[in-house]
Amino acid sequence: MSASMVWLIAVLGILFIAVMVSQSVWSPVRWIGYGLFKVAIGGVLLFVFNSIAGNYDFSIPINPITAAMSGFLGLPGLVSLVLIKAFIV
């Protein structure tokens, strides 16, 4: 490997580290983490609902779409999923 190639790799490595440390990279990562947290909360909300509604032979499937809907919208999202399941499906 030539000396110029080593310098090129070193400069690209330093630039990569500088970009990873900057705020412009961590802001989207923070939003992705926030979204995944909301989907996880929605999944837990659906699990608790299915545990209670299982006594009445009613359940809502837990998948990424329903978890995201109940996670981002909260209780109104869960109510809308129940209404959709009860009256449309």
PDB file of N, CA and C in Angstrom:
ATOM      1  N   MET A   1       0.848  -1.162   0.000  1.00  0.00           N
ATOM      2  CA  MET A   1       0.000   0.000   0.000  1.00  0.00           C
ATOM      3  C   MET A   1       0.899   1.232   0.000  1.00  0.00           C
ATOM      4  N   SER A   2       0.561   2.158  -0.860  1.00  0.00           N
ATOM      5  CA  SER A   2       1.395   3.361  -0.967  1.00  0.00           C
ATOM      6  C   SER A   2       1.074   4.340   0.163  1.00  0.00           C
ATOM      7  N   ALA A   3       1.958   5.283   0.350  1.00  0.00           N
ATOM      8  CA  ALA A   3       1.803   6.273   1.424  1.00  0.00           C
ATOM      9  C   ALA A   3       0.592   7.166   1.172  1.00  0.00           C
ATOM     10  N   SER A   4       0.314   7.483  -0.083  1.00  0.00           N
ATOM     11  CA  SER A   4      -0.833   8.339  -0.376  1.00  0.00           C
ATOM     12  C   SER A   4      -2.148   7.622  -0.053  1.00  0.00           C
ATOM     13  N   MET A   5      -2.186   6.316  -0.252  1.00  0.00           N
ATOM     14  CA  MET A   5      -3.390   5.549   0.062  1.00  0.00           C
ATOM     15  C   MET A   5      -3.615   5.502   1.574  1.00  0.00           C
ATOM     16  N   VAL A   6      -2.543   5.375   2.339  1.00  0.00           N
ATOM     17  CA  VAL A   6      -2.654   5.370   3.796  1.00  0.00           C
ATOM     18  C   VAL A   6      -3.174   6.712   4.287  1.00  0.00           C
ATOM     19  N   TRP A   7      -2.669   7.808   3.718  1.00  0.00           N
ATOM     20  CA  TRP A   7      -3.138   9.145   4.100  1.00  0.00           C
ATOM     21  C   TRP A   7      -4.610   9.340   3.738  1.00  0.00           C
ATOM     22  N   LEU A   8      -5.001   8.847   2.571  1.00  0.00           N
ATOM     23  CA  LEU A   8      -6.391   8.973   2.150  1.00  0.00           C
ATOM     24  C   LEU A   8      -7.311   8.229   3.112  1.00  0.00           C
ATOM     25  N   ILE A   9      -6.952   7.021   3.499  1.00  0.00           N
ATOM     26  CA  ILE A   9      -7.759   6.244   4.435  1.00  0.00           C
ATOM     27  C   ILE A   9      -7.804   6.924   5.799  1.00  0.00           C
ATOM     28  N   ALA A  10      -6.689   7.487   6.248  1.00  0.00           N
ATOM     29  CA  ALA A  10      -6.646   8.175   7.537  1.00  0.00           C
ATOM     30  C   ALA A  10      -7.540   9.412   7.523  1.00  0.00           C
ATOM     31  N   VAL A  11      -7.492  10.192   6.456  1.00  0.00           N
ATOM     32  CA  VAL A  11      -8.323  11.401   6.363  1.00  0.00           C
ATOM     33  C   VAL A  11      -9.796  11.028   6.303  1.00  0.00           C
ATOM     34  N   LEU A  12     -10.136  10.005   5.524  1.00  0.00           N
ATOM     35  CA  LEU A  12     -11.531   9.575   5.452  1.00  0.00           C
ATOM     36  C   LEU A  12     -12.008   9.046   6.811  1.00  0.00           C
ATOM     37  N   GLY A  13     -11.160   8.356   7.533  1.00  0.00           N
ATOM     38  CA  GLY A  13     -11.517   7.875   8.864  1.00  0.00           C
ATOM     39  C   GLY A  13     -11.766   9.005   9.833  1.00  0.00           C
ATOM     40  N   ILE A  14     -10.908  10.014   9.791  1.00  0.00           N
ATOM     41  CA  ILE A  14     -11.077  11.178  10.672  1.00  0.00           C
ATOM     42  C   ILE A  14     -12.358  11.928  10.323  1.00  0.00           C
ATOM     43  N   LEU A  15     -12.646  12.083   9.037  1.00  0.00           N
ATOM     44  CA  LEU A  15     -13.890  12.746   8.626  1.00  0.00           C
ATOM     45  C   LEU A  15     -15.114  11.950   9.068  1.00  0.00           C
ATOM     46  N   PHE A  16     -15.043  10.643   8.963  1.00  0.00           N
ATOM     47  CA  PHE A  16     -16.151   9.795   9.396  1.00  0.00           C
ATOM     48  C   PHE A  16     -16.397   9.946  10.894  1.00  0.00           C
ATOM     49  N   ILE A  17     -15.350   9.947  11.673  1.00  0.00           N
ATOM     50  CA  ILE A  17     -15.483  10.112  13.126  1.00  0.00           C
ATOM     51  C   ILE A  17     -16.028  11.491  13.465  1.00  0.00           C
ATOM     52  N   ALA A  18     -15.571  12.519  12.745  1.00  0.00           N
ATOM     53  CA  ALA A  18     -16.057  13.878  13.001  1.00  0.00           C
ATOM     54  C   ALA A  18     -17.543  13.997  12.694  1.00  0.00           C
ATOM     55  N   VAL A  19     -17.997  13.360  11.634  1.00  0.00           N
ATOM     56  CA  VAL A  19     -19.417  13.415  11.282  1.00  0.00           C
ATOM     57  C   VAL A  19     -20.244  12.639  12.297  1.00  0.00           C
ATOM     58  N   MET A  20     -19.741  11.512  12.767  1.00  0.00           N
ATOM     59  CA  MET A  20     -20.485  10.716  13.734  1.00  0.00           C
ATOM     60  C   MET A  20     -20.623  11.429  15.080  1.00  0.00           C
ATOM     61  N   VAL A  21     -19.664  12.257  15.418  1.00  0.00           N
ATOM     62  CA  VAL A  21     -19.699  12.958  16.697  1.00  0.00           C
ATOM     63  C   VAL A  21     -20.582  14.205  16.628  1.00  0.00           C
ATOM     64  N   SER A  22     -20.770  14.741  15.431  1.00  0.00           N
ATOM     65  CA  SER A  22     -21.510  15.999  15.301  1.00  0.00           C
ATOM     66  C   SER A  22     -22.985  15.810  15.618  1.00  0.00           C
ATOM     67  N   GLN A  23     -23.646  16.885  15.900  1.00  0.00           N
ATOM     68  CA  GLN A  23     -25.062  16.886  16.256  1.00  0.00           C
ATOM     69  C   GLN A  23     -25.940  16.516  15.070  1.00  0.00           C
ATOM     70  N   SER A  24     -25.511  16.808  13.865  1.00  0.00           N
ATOM     71  CA  SER A  24     -26.345  16.553  12.694  1.00  0.00           C
ATOM     72  C   SER A  24     -26.599  15.079  12.473  1.00  0.00           C
ATOM     73  N   VAL A  25     -25.744  14.228  12.968  1.00  0.00           N
ATOM     74  CA  VAL A  25     -25.944  12.792  12.808  1.00  0.00           C
ATOM     75  C   VAL A  25     -26.793  12.234  13.940  1.00  0.00           C
ATOM     76  N   TRP A  26     -26.644  12.734  15.139  1.00  0.00           N
ATOM     77  CA  TRP A  26     -27.351  12.170  16.278  1.00  0.00           C
ATOM     78  C   TRP A  26     -28.814  12.583  16.339  1.00  0.00           C
ATOM     79  N   SER A  27     -29.192  13.664  15.703  1.00  0.00           N
ATOM     80  CA  SER A  27     -30.585  14.087  15.728  1.00  0.00           C
ATOM     81  C   SER A  27     -31.513  13.070  15.056  1.00  0.00           C
ATOM     82  N   PRO A  28     -31.215  12.576  13.847  1.00  0.00           N
ATOM     83  CA  PRO A  28     -32.087  11.539  13.273  1.00  0.00           C
ATOM     84  C   PRO A  28     -32.073  10.244  14.073  1.00  0.00           C
ATOM     85  N   VAL A  29     -30.942   9.904  14.663  1.00  0.00           N
ATOM     86  CA  VAL A  29     -30.868   8.691  15.473  1.00  0.00           C
ATOM     87  C   VAL A  29     -31.775   8.824  16.686  1.00  0.00           C
ATOM     88  N   ARG A  30     -31.837   9.997  17.254  1.00  0.00           N
ATOM     89  CA  ARG A  30     -32.707  10.249  18.395  1.00  0.00           C
ATOM     90  C   ARG A  30     -34.175  10.100  17.994  1.00  0.00           C
ATOM     91  N   TRP A  31     -34.547  10.597  16.811  1.00  0.00           N
ATOM     92  CA  TRP A  31     -35.922  10.471  16.337  1.00  0.00           C
ATOM     93  C   TRP A  31     -36.290   9.019  16.056  1.00  0.00           C
ATOM     94  N   ILE A  32     -35.359   8.251  15.510  1.00  0.00           N
ATOM     95  CA  ILE A  32     -35.614   6.837  15.259  1.00  0.00           C
ATOM     96  C   ILE A  32     -35.818   6.104  16.585  1.00  0.00           C
ATOM     97  N   GLY A  33     -35.000   6.418  17.572  1.00  0.00           N
ATOM     98  CA  GLY A  33     -35.158   5.813  18.893  1.00  0.00           C
ATOM     99  C   GLY A  33     -36.484   6.180  19.533  1.00  0.00           C
ATOM    100  N   TYR A  34     -36.912   7.433  19.368  1.00  0.00           N
ATOM    101  CA  TYR A  34     -38.193   7.881  19.893  1.00  0.00           C
ATOM    102  C   TYR A  34     -39.334   7.117  19.233  1.00  0.00           C
ATOM    103  N   GLY A  35     -39.248   6.925  17.923  1.00  0.00           N
ATOM    104  CA  GLY A  35     -40.289   6.190  17.206  1.00  0.00           C
ATOM    105  C   GLY A  35     -40.353   4.732  17.629  1.00  0.00           C
ATOM    106  N   LEU A  36     -39.199   4.101  17.780  1.00  0.00           N
ATOM    107  CA  LEU A  36     -39.175   2.704  18.225  1.00  0.00           C
ATOM    108  C   LEU A  36     -39.711   2.563  19.645  1.00  0.00           C
ATOM    109  N   PHE A  37     -39.435   3.553  20.492  1.00  0.00           N
ATOM    110  CA  PHE A  37     -39.973   3.540  21.851  1.00  0.00           C
ATOM    111  C   PHE A  37     -41.493   3.622  21.828  1.00  0.00           C
ATOM    112  N   LYS A  38     -42.041   4.482  20.980  1.00  0.00           N
ATOM    113  CA  LYS A  38     -43.498   4.620  20.877  1.00  0.00           C
ATOM    114  C   LYS A  38     -44.134   3.330  20.372  1.00  0.00           C
ATOM    115  N   VAL A  39     -43.502   2.672  19.391  1.00  0.00           N
ATOM    116  CA  VAL A  39     -44.036   1.407  18.880  1.00  0.00           C
ATOM    117  C   VAL A  39     -44.002   0.336  19.969  1.00  0.00           C
ATOM    118  N   ALA A  40     -42.946   0.316  20.766  1.00  0.00           N
ATOM    119  CA  ALA A  40     -42.862  -0.646  21.871  1.00  0.00           C
ATOM    120  C   ALA A  40     -43.955  -0.386  22.903  1.00  0.00           C
ATOM    121  N   ILE A  41     -44.205   0.868  23.211  1.00  0.00           N
ATOM    122  CA  ILE A  41     -45.272   1.212  24.155  1.00  0.00           C
ATOM    123  C   ILE A  41     -46.623   0.782  23.585  1.00  0.00           C
ATOM    124  N   GLY A  42     -46.817   0.966  22.290  1.00  0.00           N
ATOM    125  CA  GLY A  42     -48.058   0.520  21.654  1.00  0.00           C
ATOM    126  C   GLY A  42     -48.217  -0.982  21.732  1.00  0.00           C
ATOM    127  N   GLY A  43     -47.135  -1.722  21.558  1.00  0.00           N
ATOM    128  CA  GLY A  43     -47.199  -3.176  21.666  1.00  0.00           C
ATOM    129  C   GLY A  43     -47.585  -3.619  23.068  1.00  0.00           C
ATOM    130  N   VAL A  44     -47.028  -2.957  24.069  1.00  0.00           N
ATOM    131  CA  VAL A  44     -47.378  -3.274  25.462  1.00  0.00           C
ATOM    132  C   VAL A  44     -48.840  -2.920  25.724  1.00  0.00           C
ATOM    133  N   LEU A  45     -49.297  -1.792  25.200  1.00  0.00           N
ATOM    134  CA  LEU A  45     -50.693  -1.383  25.369  1.00  0.00           C
ATOM    135  C   LEU A  45     -51.632  -2.408  24.734  1.00  0.00           C
ATOM    136  N   LEU A  46     -51.287  -2.887  23.542  1.00  0.00           N
ATOM    137  CA  LEU A  46     -52.115  -3.906  22.898  1.00  0.00           C
ATOM    138  C   LEU A  46     -52.075  -5.228  23.661  1.00  0.00           C
ATOM    139  N   PHE A  47     -50.927  -5.582  24.208  1.00  0.00           N
ATOM    140  CA  PHE A  47     -50.825  -6.811  24.988  1.00  0.00           C
ATOM    141  C   PHE A  47     -51.734  -6.750  26.216  1.00  0.00           C
ATOM    142  N   VAL A  48     -51.715  -5.629  26.914  1.00  0.00           N
ATOM    143  CA  VAL A  48     -52.565  -5.477  28.095  1.00  0.00           C
ATOM    144  C   VAL A  48     -54.034  -5.509  27.684  1.00  0.00           C
ATOM    145  N   PHE A  49     -54.369  -4.831  26.587  1.00  0.00           N
ATOM    146  CA  PHE A  49     -55.757  -4.836  26.116  1.00  0.00           C
ATOM    147  C   PHE A  49     -56.198  -6.245  25.744  1.00  0.00           C
ATOM    148  N   ASN A  50     -55.340  -6.987  25.023  1.00  0.00           N
ATOM    149  CA  ASN A  50     -55.700  -8.348  24.629  1.00  0.00           C
ATOM    150  C   ASN A  50     -55.824  -9.272  25.836  1.00  0.00           C
ATOM    151  N   SER A  51     -55.047  -9.014  26.873  1.00  0.00           N
ATOM    152  CA  SER A  51     -55.157  -9.819  28.087  1.00  0.00           C
ATOM    153  C   SER A  51     -56.516  -9.613  28.754  1.00  0.00           C
ATOM    154  N   ILE A  52     -56.991  -8.394  28.767  1.00  0.00           N
ATOM    155  CA  ILE A  52     -58.282  -8.092  29.384  1.00  0.00           C
ATOM    156  C   ILE A  52     -59.431  -8.493  28.462  1.00  0.00           C
ATOM    157  N   ALA A  53     -59.321  -8.183  27.173  1.00  0.00           N
ATOM    158  CA  ALA A  53     -60.404  -8.459  26.233  1.00  0.00           C
ATOM    159  C   ALA A  53     -60.488  -9.935  25.848  1.00  0.00           C
ATOM    160  N   GLY A  54     -59.484 -10.717  26.187  1.00  0.00           N
ATOM    161  CA  GLY A  54     -59.528 -12.144  25.910  1.00  0.00           C
ATOM    162  C   GLY A  54     -60.652 -12.846  26.643  1.00  0.00           C
ATOM    163  N   ASN A  55     -61.077 -12.307  27.758  1.00  0.00           N
ATOM    164  CA  ASN A  55     -62.207 -12.868  28.504  1.00  0.00           C
ATOM    165  C   ASN A  55     -63.508 -12.751  27.717  1.00  0.00           C
ATOM    166  N   TYR A  56     -63.576 -11.821  26.786  1.00  0.00           N
ATOM    167  CA  TYR A  56     -64.782 -11.582  25.998  1.00  0.00           C
ATOM    168  C   TYR A  56     -64.623 -12.043  24.555  1.00  0.00           C
ATOM    169  N   ASP A  57     -63.634 -12.889  24.295  1.00  0.00           N
ATOM    170  CA  ASP A  57     -63.343 -13.412  22.948  1.00  0.00           C
ATOM    171  C   ASP A  57     -63.148 -12.297  21.930  1.00  0.00           C
ATOM    172  N   PHE A  58     -62.398 -11.289  22.317  1.00  0.00           N
ATOM    173  CA  PHE A  58     -62.098 -10.165  21.426  1.00  0.00           C
ATOM    174  C   PHE A  58     -60.607  -9.895  21.520  1.00  0.00           C
ATOM    175  N   SER A  59     -59.949  -9.772  20.387  1.00  0.00           N
ATOM    176  CA  SER A  59     -58.520  -9.461  20.411  1.00  0.00           C
ATOM    177  C   SER A  59     -58.148  -8.656  19.173  1.00  0.00           C
ATOM    178  N   ILE A  60     -57.098  -7.884  19.309  1.00  0.00           N
ATOM    179  CA  ILE A  60     -56.533  -7.121  18.201  1.00  0.00           C
ATOM    180  C   ILE A  60     -55.141  -7.683  17.955  1.00  0.00           C
ATOM    181  N   PRO A  61     -54.834  -8.038  16.721  1.00  0.00           N
ATOM    182  CA  PRO A  61     -53.499  -8.602  16.463  1.00  0.00           C
ATOM    183  C   PRO A  61     -52.401  -7.576  16.737  1.00  0.00           C
ATOM    184  N   ILE A  62     -51.309  -8.058  17.287  1.00  0.00           N
ATOM    185  CA  ILE A  62     -50.171  -7.185  17.572  1.00  0.00           C
ATOM    186  C   ILE A  62     -49.188  -7.307  16.415  1.00  0.00           C
ATOM    187  N   ASN A  63     -49.123  -6.271  15.598  1.00  0.00           N
ATOM    188  CA  ASN A  63     -48.159  -6.196  14.505  1.00  0.00           C
ATOM    189  C   ASN A  63     -47.617  -4.774  14.467  1.00  0.00           C
ATOM    190  N   PRO A  64     -46.607  -4.492  13.639  1.00  0.00           N
ATOM    191  CA  PRO A  64     -46.004  -3.148  13.663  1.00  0.00           C
ATOM    192  C   PRO A  64     -46.992  -2.015  13.363  1.00  0.00           C
ATOM    193  N   ILE A  65     -47.960  -2.250  12.507  1.00  0.00           N
ATOM    194  CA  ILE A  65     -48.909  -1.181  12.160  1.00  0.00           C
ATOM    195  C   ILE A  65     -49.834  -0.875  13.336  1.00  0.00           C
ATOM    196  N   THR A  66     -50.426  -1.900  13.933  1.00  0.00           N
ATOM    197  CA  THR A  66     -51.325  -1.646  15.059  1.00  0.00           C
ATOM    198  C   THR A  66     -50.561  -1.133  16.284  1.00  0.00           C
ATOM    199  N   ALA A  67     -49.340  -1.626  16.479  1.00  0.00           N
ATOM    200  CA  ALA A  67     -48.535  -1.131  17.597  1.00  0.00           C
ATOM    201  C   ALA A  67     -48.157   0.330  17.396  1.00  0.00           C
ATOM    202  N   ALA A  68     -47.823   0.705  16.162  1.00  0.00           N
ATOM    203  CA  ALA A  68     -47.489   2.101  15.884  1.00  0.00           C
ATOM    204  C   ALA A  68     -48.709   2.998  16.056  1.00  0.00           C
ATOM    205  N   MET A  69     -49.852   2.523  15.602  1.00  0.00           N
ATOM    206  CA  MET A  69     -51.068   3.333  15.718  1.00  0.00           C
ATOM    207  C   MET A  69     -51.443   3.559  17.183  1.00  0.00           C
ATOM    208  N   SER A  70     -51.403   2.504  17.974  1.00  0.00           N
ATOM    209  CA  SER A  70     -51.758   2.681  19.382  1.00  0.00           C
ATOM    210  C   SER A  70     -50.636   3.364  20.159  1.00  0.00           C
ATOM    211  N   GLY A  71     -49.401   3.235  19.718  1.00  0.00           N
ATOM    212  CA  GLY A  71     -48.295   3.884  20.409  1.00  0.00           C
ATOM    213  C   GLY A  71     -48.239   5.377  20.170  1.00  0.00           C
ATOM    214  N   PHE A  72     -48.401   5.787  18.908  1.00  0.00           N
ATOM    215  CA  PHE A  72     -48.323   7.210  18.595  1.00  0.00           C
ATOM    216  C   PHE A  72     -49.597   7.955  18.978  1.00  0.00           C
ATOM    217  N   LEU A  73     -50.754   7.301  18.844  1.00  0.00           N
ATOM    218  CA  LEU A  73     -52.009   7.988  19.139  1.00  0.00           C
ATOM    219  C   LEU A  73     -52.504   7.766  20.562  1.00  0.00           C
ATOM    220  N   GLY A  74     -51.973   6.750  21.228  1.00  0.00           N
ATOM    221  CA  GLY A  74     -52.365   6.487  22.609  1.00  0.00           C
ATOM    222  C   GLY A  74     -53.730   5.832  22.700  1.00  0.00           C
ATOM    223  N   LEU A  75     -54.483   6.227  23.697  1.00  0.00           N
ATOM    224  CA  LEU A  75     -55.803   5.636  23.932  1.00  0.00           C
ATOM    225  C   LEU A  75     -56.770   5.881  22.766  1.00  0.00           C
ATOM    226  N   PRO A  76     -56.815   7.065  22.157  1.00  0.00           N
ATOM    227  CA  PRO A  76     -57.685   7.223  20.983  1.00  0.00           C
ATOM    228  C   PRO A  76     -57.322   6.272  19.832  1.00  0.00           C
ATOM    229  N   GLY A  77     -56.058   5.972  19.669  1.00  0.00           N
ATOM    230  CA  GLY A  77     -55.655   5.014  18.649  1.00  0.00           C
ATOM    231  C   GLY A  77     -56.142   3.622  18.969  1.00  0.00           C
ATOM    232  N   LEU A  78     -56.070   3.230  20.227  1.00  0.00           N
ATOM    233  CA  LEU A  78     -56.570   1.925  20.650  1.00  0.00           C
ATOM    234  C   LEU A  78     -58.080   1.842  20.456  1.00  0.00           C
ATOM    235  N   VAL A  79     -58.796   2.902  20.804  1.00  0.00           N
ATOM    236  CA  VAL A  79     -60.248   2.923  20.624  1.00  0.00           C
ATOM    237  C   VAL A  79     -60.597   2.819  19.145  1.00  0.00           C
ATOM    238  N   SER A  80     -59.856   3.504  18.293  1.00  0.00           N
ATOM    239  CA  SER A  80     -60.143   3.416  16.859  1.00  0.00           C
ATOM    240  C   SER A  80     -59.864   2.014  16.326  1.00  0.00           C
ATOM    241  N   LEU A  81     -58.833   1.341  16.827  1.00  0.00           N
ATOM    242  CA  LEU A  81     -58.581  -0.043  16.423  1.00  0.00           C
ATOM    243  C   LEU A  81     -59.719  -0.957  16.868  1.00  0.00           C
ATOM    244  N   VAL A  82     -60.239  -0.741  18.067  1.00  0.00           N
ATOM    245  CA  VAL A  82     -61.365  -1.543  18.549  1.00  0.00           C
ATOM    246  C   VAL A  82     -62.592  -1.303  17.683  1.00  0.00           C
ATOM    247  N   LEU A  83     -62.873  -0.059  17.354  1.00  0.00           N
ATOM    248  CA  LEU A  83     -64.022   0.257  16.508  1.00  0.00           C
ATOM    249  C   LEU A  83     -63.878  -0.331  15.106  1.00  0.00           C
ATOM    250  N   ILE A  84     -62.689  -0.255  14.558  1.00  0.00           N
ATOM    251  CA  ILE A  84     -62.448  -0.837  13.233  1.00  0.00           C
ATOM    252  C   ILE A  84     -62.664  -2.342  13.284  1.00  0.00           C
ATOM    253  N   LYS A  85     -62.142  -2.989  14.309  1.00  0.00           N
ATOM    254  CA  LYS A  85     -62.286  -4.437  14.434  1.00  0.00           C
ATOM    255  C   LYS A  85     -63.738  -4.820  14.663  1.00  0.00           C
ATOM    256  N   ALA A  86     -64.460  -4.060  15.477  1.00  0.00           N
ATOM    257  CA  ALA A  86     -65.829  -4.422  15.837  1.00  0.00           C
ATOM    258  C   ALA A  86     -66.821  -4.164  14.709  1.00  0.00           C
ATOM    259  N   PHE A  87     -66.657  -3.068  13.984  1.00  0.00           N
ATOM    260  CA  PHE A  87     -67.688  -2.694  13.032  1.00  0.00           C
ATOM    261  C   PHE A  87     -67.327  -2.953  11.569  1.00  0.00           C
ATOM    262  N   ILE A  88     -66.062  -2.975  11.244  1.00  0.00           N
ATOM    263  CA  ILE A  88     -65.678  -3.146   9.842  1.00  0.00           C
ATOM    264  C   ILE A  88     -65.270  -4.586   9.546  1.00  0.00           C
ATOM    265  N   VAL A  89     -64.486  -5.153  10.421  1.00  0.00           N
ATOM    266  CA  VAL A  89     -63.975  -6.512  10.151  1.00  0.00           C
ATOM    267  C   VAL A  89     -64.898  -7.483  10.709  1.00  0.00           C
TER     268      VAL A  89
END
